[in-house]
């Protein structure tokens, strides 16, 4: 299994549908990208993960019927927004995660 890229991206593993895991502070930006691309059928998990008692990261789920082309457009937009994954991944490994 290869290492994740150094930016946020849409994961398509599993059978539930595509999703984006991100630090909570990026959630509004990610939702705006989805809306700007005309993707309306998405939702955020109701229980963001906490680290040291504070909100840390959340998951936005995207309907599995969204076209692969749209998912690729989301990935391109996320990549253009910058390298935030490395910081996020480091925070997960440094702190204890709880729900």
C-alpha atoms as a PDB file:
ATOM      1  CA  UNK A   1       0.000   0.000   0.000  1.00  0.00           C
ATOM      2  CA  UNK A   2       1.434   3.365  -0.969  1.00  0.00           C
ATOM      3  CA  UNK A   3       1.627   6.433   1.248  1.00  0.00           C
ATOM      4  CA  UNK A   4      -1.167   9.009   0.915  1.00  0.00           C
ATOM      5  CA  UNK A   5      -0.406  12.102  -1.163  1.00  0.00           C
ATOM      6  CA  UNK A   6       0.615  15.321   0.549  1.00  0.00           C
ATOM      7  CA  UNK A   7      -2.775  16.925  -0.017  1.00  0.00           C
ATOM      8  CA  UNK A   8      -6.411  16.211   0.759  1.00  0.00           C
ATOM      9  CA  UNK A   9      -8.102  13.926  -1.737  1.00  0.00           C
ATOM     10  CA  UNK A  10     -11.280  11.977  -2.346  1.00  0.00           C
ATOM     11  CA  UNK A  11     -10.856   8.404  -1.184  1.00  0.00           C
ATOM     12  CA  UNK A  12     -12.787   5.798  -3.128  1.00  0.00           C
ATOM     13  CA  UNK A  13     -11.827   2.706  -1.150  1.00  0.00           C
ATOM     14  CA  UNK A  14     -14.576   0.541   0.276  1.00  0.00           C
ATOM     15  CA  UNK A  15     -18.152   0.189  -0.910  1.00  0.00           C
ATOM     16  CA  UNK A  16     -19.945   3.030   0.880  1.00  0.00           C
ATOM     17  CA  UNK A  17     -18.938   5.689  -1.631  1.00  0.00           C
ATOM     18  CA  UNK A  18     -16.298   8.386  -1.968  1.00  0.00           C
ATOM     19  CA  UNK A  19     -15.315  10.487   1.030  1.00  0.00           C
ATOM     20  CA  UNK A  20     -12.852  13.171   2.092  1.00  0.00           C
ATOM     21  CA  UNK A  21     -11.184  13.082   5.509  1.00  0.00           C
ATOM     22  CA  UNK A  22      -9.930  16.488   6.583  1.00  0.00           C
ATOM     23  CA  UNK A  23      -9.056  18.671   9.554  1.00  0.00           C
ATOM     24  CA  UNK A  24     -12.218  20.365  10.835  1.00  0.00           C
ATOM     25  CA  UNK A  25     -10.868  23.811   9.926  1.00  0.00           C
ATOM     26  CA  UNK A  26     -10.916  22.851   6.214  1.00  0.00           C
ATOM     27  CA  UNK A  27     -14.494  21.573   6.164  1.00  0.00           C
ATOM     28  CA  UNK A  28     -16.101  24.804   4.934  1.00  0.00           C
ATOM     29  CA  UNK A  29     -13.509  25.153   2.156  1.00  0.00           C
ATOM     30  CA  UNK A  30     -14.069  21.553   1.028  1.00  0.00           C
ATOM     31  CA  UNK A  31     -17.849  21.995   1.074  1.00  0.00           C
ATOM     32  CA  UNK A  32     -17.480  25.140  -1.056  1.00  0.00           C
ATOM     33  CA  UNK A  33     -15.381  23.246  -3.613  1.00  0.00           C
ATOM     34  CA  UNK A  34     -18.080  20.568  -3.846  1.00  0.00           C
ATOM     35  CA  UNK A  35     -20.828  23.183  -4.237  1.00  0.00           C
ATOM     36  CA  UNK A  36     -18.846  25.170  -6.826  1.00  0.00           C
ATOM     37  CA  UNK A  37     -18.477  21.986  -8.897  1.00  0.00           C
ATOM     38  CA  UNK A  38     -22.228  21.399  -8.738  1.00  0.00           C
ATOM     39  CA  UNK A  39     -22.049  18.468  -6.318  1.00  0.00           C
ATOM     40  CA  UNK A  40     -25.010  18.801  -3.989  1.00  0.00           C
ATOM     41  CA  UNK A  41     -25.351  15.270  -2.644  1.00  0.00           C
ATOM     42  CA  UNK A  42     -22.781  15.177   0.150  1.00  0.00           C
ATOM     43  CA  UNK A  43     -22.906  15.193   3.937  1.00  0.00           C
ATOM     44  CA  UNK A  44     -20.523  15.525   6.856  1.00  0.00           C
ATOM     45  CA  UNK A  45     -20.307  12.890   9.568  1.00  0.00           C
ATOM     46  CA  UNK A  46     -22.327  13.818  12.637  1.00  0.00           C
ATOM     47  CA  UNK A  47     -19.509  12.876  15.037  1.00  0.00           C
ATOM     48  CA  UNK A  48     -16.200  14.546  14.192  1.00  0.00           C
ATOM     49  CA  UNK A  49     -13.150  12.885  15.706  1.00  0.00           C
ATOM     50  CA  UNK A  50     -11.642  14.635  18.722  1.00  0.00           C
ATOM     51  CA  UNK A  51      -8.027  14.796  19.831  1.00  0.00           C
ATOM     52  CA  UNK A  52      -7.223  15.940  23.344  1.00  0.00           C
ATOM     53  CA  UNK A  53     -10.886  16.886  23.774  1.00  0.00           C
ATOM     54  CA  UNK A  54     -10.980  19.261  20.788  1.00  0.00           C
ATOM     55  CA  UNK A  55     -12.523  18.774  17.356  1.00  0.00           C
ATOM     56  CA  UNK A  56      -9.760  17.472  15.107  1.00  0.00           C
ATOM     57  CA  UNK A  57     -11.042  16.035  11.855  1.00  0.00           C
ATOM     58  CA  UNK A  58     -14.175  15.031  10.065  1.00  0.00           C
ATOM     59  CA  UNK A  59     -15.311  13.136   7.000  1.00  0.00           C
ATOM     60  CA  UNK A  60     -17.446  14.436   4.154  1.00  0.00           C
ATOM     61  CA  UNK A  61     -19.237  11.636   2.344  1.00  0.00           C
ATOM     62  CA  UNK A  62     -20.156  12.034  -1.325  1.00  0.00           C
ATOM     63  CA  UNK A  63     -23.004  10.132  -2.968  1.00  0.00           C
ATOM     64  CA  UNK A  64     -21.588   7.096  -4.760  1.00  0.00           C
ATOM     65  CA  UNK A  65     -23.502   8.044  -7.919  1.00  0.00           C
ATOM     66  CA  UNK A  66     -21.377  11.172  -8.487  1.00  0.00           C
ATOM     67  CA  UNK A  67     -19.430  10.619 -11.710  1.00  0.00           C
ATOM     68  CA  UNK A  68     -15.729   9.701 -11.639  1.00  0.00           C
ATOM     69  CA  UNK A  69     -15.063  12.832 -13.711  1.00  0.00           C
ATOM     70  CA  UNK A  70     -16.573  15.022 -10.967  1.00  0.00           C
ATOM     71  CA  UNK A  71     -14.521  13.194  -8.333  1.00  0.00           C
ATOM     72  CA  UNK A  72     -11.390  13.886 -10.381  1.00  0.00           C
ATOM     73  CA  UNK A  73     -12.332  17.576 -10.551  1.00  0.00           C
ATOM     74  CA  UNK A  74     -12.696  17.623  -6.765  1.00  0.00           C
ATOM     75  CA  UNK A  75      -9.264  16.001  -6.421  1.00  0.00           C
ATOM     76  CA  UNK A  76      -7.724  18.608  -8.714  1.00  0.00           C
ATOM     77  CA  UNK A  77      -9.286  21.449  -6.726  1.00  0.00           C
ATOM     78  CA  UNK A  78      -8.137  19.971  -3.425  1.00  0.00           C
ATOM     79  CA  UNK A  79      -4.603  19.529  -4.732  1.00  0.00           C
ATOM     80  CA  UNK A  80      -4.510  23.137  -5.910  1.00  0.00           C
ATOM     81  CA  UNK A  81      -5.553  24.334  -2.443  1.00  0.00           C
ATOM     82  CA  UNK A  82      -2.239  23.258  -0.990  1.00  0.00           C
ATOM     83  CA  UNK A  83      -0.364  20.697   1.026  1.00  0.00           C
ATOM     84  CA  UNK A  84      -2.410  20.213   4.156  1.00  0.00           C
ATOM     85  CA  UNK A  85      -2.440  16.426   4.361  1.00  0.00           C
ATOM     86  CA  UNK A  86       1.091  16.143   5.722  1.00  0.00           C
ATOM     87  CA  UNK A  87       0.264  18.376   8.695  1.00  0.00           C
ATOM     88  CA  UNK A  88      -3.007  16.545   9.281  1.00  0.00           C
ATOM     89  CA  UNK A  89      -1.387  13.107   9.107  1.00  0.00           C
ATOM     90  CA  UNK A  90       1.334  14.191  11.549  1.00  0.00           C
ATOM     91  CA  UNK A  91      -1.246  15.449  14.042  1.00  0.00           C
ATOM     92  CA  UNK A  92      -3.028  12.107  14.011  1.00  0.00           C
ATOM     93  CA  UNK A  93       0.139  10.218  14.846  1.00  0.00           C
ATOM     94  CA  UNK A  94       1.221  12.633  17.567  1.00  0.00           C
ATOM     95  CA  UNK A  95      -2.013  12.743  19.574  1.00  0.00           C
ATOM     96  CA  UNK A  96      -4.488  10.271  20.920  1.00  0.00           C
ATOM     97  CA  UNK A  97      -7.691  10.096  18.876  1.00  0.00           C
ATOM     98  CA  UNK A  98     -11.103   9.696  20.519  1.00  0.00           C
ATOM     99  CA  UNK A  99     -14.736  10.102  19.458  1.00  0.00           C
END
